[in-house]
Amino acid sequence: MVPHPLDPRWIGWVPSATGGVRAALRAIAHHTGLPVVVVAAVGLVLSWRFLRRTLPMLIEVAFAVALLVVATRFGWVRW
């Protein structure tokens, strides 16, 4: 029997991932001497900037893949 997709056992790795992020933030804060809140704020700003720069490229790649799939379905491209 396959469990339901929203069953908590399917996402059991999430607490361990957040624990890893927490541990990394604490380690960086301890190493730099900055408060954890400041380190988390810097990480949040940098991740937002990274997302903002990579999002257009991801949209272009998704569009190119969609075009290739359509062309393959119509038989215009053969692999």
N, C-alpha and C. Protein backbone atom coordinates (compact mmCIF):
# COMPACT_ATOMS: atom_id res chain seq x y z
N MET A 1 0.84 -1.18 0.00
CA MET A 1 0.00 0.00 0.00
C MET A 1 0.89 1.25 0.00
N VAL A 2 0.61 2.15 -0.91
CA VAL A 2 1.37 3.39 -1.03
C VAL A 2 0.73 4.45 -0.14
N PRO A 3 1.54 5.11 0.72
CA PRO A 3 0.96 6.15 1.58
C PRO A 3 0.51 7.37 0.77
N HIS A 4 -0.38 8.12 1.32
CA HIS A 4 -0.89 9.34 0.70
C HIS A 4 0.27 10.33 0.54
N PRO A 5 0.30 11.12 -0.57
CA PRO A 5 1.41 12.06 -0.78
C PRO A 5 1.57 13.10 0.33
N LEU A 6 0.50 13.42 1.04
CA LEU A 6 0.62 14.41 2.12
C LEU A 6 0.93 13.77 3.46
N ASP A 7 1.19 12.48 3.45
CA ASP A 7 1.55 11.78 4.68
C ASP A 7 2.87 12.33 5.19
N PRO A 8 2.99 12.61 6.49
CA PRO A 8 4.22 13.20 7.03
C PRO A 8 5.45 12.33 6.82
N ARG A 9 5.27 11.04 6.61
CA ARG A 9 6.43 10.17 6.40
C ARG A 9 7.14 10.48 5.08
N TRP A 10 6.42 11.05 4.11
CA TRP A 10 7.03 11.39 2.83
C TRP A 10 7.97 12.57 2.95
N ILE A 11 7.71 13.45 3.91
CA ILE A 11 8.56 14.64 4.07
C ILE A 11 9.31 14.57 5.39
N GLY A 12 9.71 13.38 5.78
CA GLY A 12 10.43 13.21 7.03
C GLY A 12 11.81 13.84 7.04
N TRP A 13 12.35 14.15 5.87
CA TRP A 13 13.67 14.75 5.79
C TRP A 13 13.67 16.24 6.09
N VAL A 14 12.49 16.89 6.07
CA VAL A 14 12.43 18.34 6.25
C VAL A 14 12.98 18.78 7.61
N PRO A 15 12.60 18.13 8.73
CA PRO A 15 13.19 18.57 9.99
C PRO A 15 14.71 18.42 10.03
N SER A 16 15.24 17.38 9.40
CA SER A 16 16.69 17.23 9.41
C SER A 16 17.35 18.30 8.54
N ALA A 17 16.69 18.69 7.44
CA ALA A 17 17.25 19.75 6.60
C ALA A 17 17.24 21.08 7.33
N THR A 18 16.14 21.37 8.04
CA THR A 18 16.10 22.63 8.78
C THR A 18 17.08 22.60 9.94
N GLY A 19 17.29 21.44 10.51
CA GLY A 19 18.30 21.33 11.56
C GLY A 19 19.68 21.60 11.01
N GLY A 20 19.93 21.19 9.77
CA GLY A 20 21.21 21.46 9.12
C GLY A 20 21.40 22.93 8.84
N VAL A 21 20.33 23.59 8.44
CA VAL A 21 20.40 25.04 8.19
C VAL A 21 20.65 25.77 9.50
N ARG A 22 19.94 25.33 10.53
CA ARG A 22 20.13 25.96 11.84
C ARG A 22 21.57 25.79 12.33
N ALA A 23 22.08 24.58 12.17
CA ALA A 23 23.45 24.32 12.61
C ALA A 23 24.45 25.14 11.80
N ALA A 24 24.19 25.27 10.49
CA ALA A 24 25.09 26.07 9.66
C ALA A 24 25.05 27.54 10.06
N LEU A 25 23.85 28.06 10.33
CA LEU A 25 23.74 29.46 10.77
C LEU A 25 24.47 29.68 12.09
N ARG A 26 24.30 28.75 13.00
CA ARG A 26 25.00 28.89 14.30
C ARG A 26 26.51 28.82 14.13
N ALA A 27 26.98 27.90 13.27
CA ALA A 27 28.42 27.77 13.05
C ALA A 27 29.00 29.03 12.42
N ILE A 28 28.29 29.59 11.43
CA ILE A 28 28.76 30.82 10.79
C ILE A 28 28.75 31.96 11.78
N ALA A 29 27.69 32.05 12.57
CA ALA A 29 27.61 33.12 13.58
C ALA A 29 28.72 32.98 14.60
N HIS A 30 29.00 31.76 15.01
CA HIS A 30 30.07 31.53 15.99
C HIS A 30 31.43 31.88 15.39
N HIS A 31 31.64 31.52 14.14
CA HIS A 31 32.92 31.77 13.48
C HIS A 31 33.16 33.25 13.24
N THR A 32 32.11 33.98 12.84
CA THR A 32 32.27 35.40 12.51
C THR A 32 32.08 36.32 13.71
N GLY A 33 31.40 35.82 14.74
CA GLY A 33 31.13 36.67 15.89
C GLY A 33 29.90 37.55 15.72
N LEU A 34 29.18 37.38 14.62
CA LEU A 34 27.96 38.15 14.39
C LEU A 34 26.78 37.41 15.01
N PRO A 35 25.72 38.12 15.36
CA PRO A 35 24.52 37.44 15.86
C PRO A 35 23.88 36.57 14.77
N VAL A 36 23.20 35.53 15.20
CA VAL A 36 22.57 34.60 14.26
C VAL A 36 21.55 35.32 13.39
N VAL A 37 20.85 36.28 13.96
CA VAL A 37 19.83 37.02 13.19
C VAL A 37 20.48 37.78 12.04
N VAL A 38 21.63 38.37 12.27
CA VAL A 38 22.32 39.11 11.21
C VAL A 38 22.78 38.15 10.12
N VAL A 39 23.32 37.00 10.51
CA VAL A 39 23.78 36.01 9.54
C VAL A 39 22.59 35.50 8.72
N ALA A 40 21.46 35.25 9.38
CA ALA A 40 20.27 34.79 8.67
C ALA A 40 19.75 35.86 7.72
N ALA A 41 19.78 37.12 8.13
CA ALA A 41 19.32 38.21 7.26
C ALA A 41 20.21 38.34 6.03
N VAL A 42 21.51 38.23 6.20
CA VAL A 42 22.44 38.29 5.07
C VAL A 42 22.18 37.11 4.13
N GLY A 43 21.97 35.94 4.68
CA GLY A 43 21.68 34.76 3.86
C GLY A 43 20.38 34.92 3.09
N LEU A 44 19.38 35.50 3.72
CA LEU A 44 18.09 35.72 3.06
C LEU A 44 18.23 36.72 1.91
N VAL A 45 18.94 37.81 2.12
CA VAL A 45 19.14 38.81 1.07
C VAL A 45 19.93 38.22 -0.09
N LEU A 46 20.99 37.48 0.21
CA LEU A 46 21.80 36.90 -0.86
C LEU A 46 21.02 35.85 -1.64
N SER A 47 20.20 35.06 -0.95
CA SER A 47 19.42 34.05 -1.67
C SER A 47 18.36 34.73 -2.55
N TRP A 48 17.78 35.83 -2.09
CA TRP A 48 16.81 36.56 -2.90
C TRP A 48 17.48 37.12 -4.15
N ARG A 49 18.67 37.67 -4.00
CA ARG A 49 19.38 38.22 -5.17
C ARG A 49 19.75 37.10 -6.15
N PHE A 50 20.17 35.96 -5.61
CA PHE A 50 20.51 34.82 -6.47
C PHE A 50 19.28 34.35 -7.22
N LEU A 51 18.15 34.26 -6.55
CA LEU A 51 16.91 33.83 -7.19
C LEU A 51 16.48 34.82 -8.26
N ARG A 52 16.60 36.10 -7.96
CA ARG A 52 16.21 37.13 -8.91
C ARG A 52 17.05 37.08 -10.18
N ARG A 53 18.32 36.73 -10.05
CA ARG A 53 19.19 36.67 -11.22
C ARG A 53 19.01 35.39 -12.01
N THR A 54 18.70 34.29 -11.34
CA THR A 54 18.60 33.01 -12.04
C THR A 54 17.20 32.72 -12.56
N LEU A 55 16.19 33.37 -12.04
CA LEU A 55 14.82 33.09 -12.46
C LEU A 55 14.59 33.31 -13.96
N PRO A 56 15.06 34.40 -14.56
CA PRO A 56 14.85 34.54 -16.01
C PRO A 56 15.49 33.42 -16.82
N MET A 57 16.68 32.97 -16.40
CA MET A 57 17.32 31.88 -17.11
C MET A 57 16.51 30.59 -16.97
N LEU A 58 15.98 30.33 -15.78
CA LEU A 58 15.18 29.13 -15.59
C LEU A 58 13.91 29.17 -16.44
N ILE A 59 13.32 30.34 -16.59
CA ILE A 59 12.13 30.48 -17.43
C ILE A 59 12.49 30.22 -18.89
N GLU A 60 13.62 30.72 -19.34
CA GLU A 60 14.05 30.49 -20.71
C GLU A 60 14.32 29.01 -20.97
N VAL A 61 14.96 28.35 -20.03
CA VAL A 61 15.24 26.91 -20.18
C VAL A 61 13.93 26.13 -20.22
N ALA A 62 12.99 26.46 -19.36
CA ALA A 62 11.70 25.76 -19.36
C ALA A 62 10.97 25.98 -20.68
N PHE A 63 11.05 27.19 -21.23
CA PHE A 63 10.42 27.48 -22.51
C PHE A 63 11.08 26.68 -23.63
N ALA A 64 12.40 26.60 -23.62
CA ALA A 64 13.12 25.83 -24.65
C ALA A 64 12.78 24.35 -24.55
N VAL A 65 12.69 23.82 -23.36
CA VAL A 65 12.33 22.41 -23.18
C VAL A 65 10.91 22.17 -23.69
N ALA A 66 10.01 23.08 -23.38
CA ALA A 66 8.63 22.94 -23.86
C ALA A 66 8.57 22.95 -25.38
N LEU A 67 9.33 23.85 -26.01
CA LEU A 67 9.37 23.88 -27.47
C LEU A 67 9.93 22.59 -28.05
N LEU A 68 10.97 22.05 -27.44
CA LEU A 68 11.54 20.79 -27.91
C LEU A 68 10.56 19.64 -27.75
N VAL A 69 9.82 19.62 -26.66
CA VAL A 69 8.82 18.57 -26.46
C VAL A 69 7.73 18.66 -27.51
N VAL A 70 7.25 19.86 -27.79
CA VAL A 70 6.21 20.05 -28.81
C VAL A 70 6.74 19.64 -30.18
N ALA A 71 7.95 20.06 -30.51
CA ALA A 71 8.54 19.71 -31.81
C ALA A 71 8.73 18.20 -31.93
N THR A 72 9.07 17.55 -30.84
CA THR A 72 9.23 16.10 -30.86
C THR A 72 7.88 15.42 -31.04
N ARG A 73 6.86 15.93 -30.38
CA ARG A 73 5.51 15.35 -30.50
C ARG A 73 4.98 15.46 -31.93
N PHE A 74 5.26 16.57 -32.60
CA PHE A 74 4.79 16.75 -33.97
C PHE A 74 5.67 16.03 -34.99
N GLY A 75 6.78 15.48 -34.52
CA GLY A 75 7.67 14.75 -35.41
C GLY A 75 8.66 15.62 -36.15
N TRP A 76 8.78 16.88 -35.76
CA TRP A 76 9.72 17.78 -36.42
C TRP A 76 11.15 17.51 -35.99
N VAL A 77 11.32 16.95 -34.79
CA VAL A 77 12.65 16.65 -34.26
C VAL A 77 12.64 15.18 -33.86
N ARG A 78 13.69 14.48 -34.25
CA ARG A 78 13.84 13.08 -33.84
C ARG A 78 15.14 12.93 -33.12
N TRP A 79 15.13 12.18 -32.05
CA TRP A 79 16.32 11.99 -31.24
C TRP A 79 16.98 10.69 -31.56
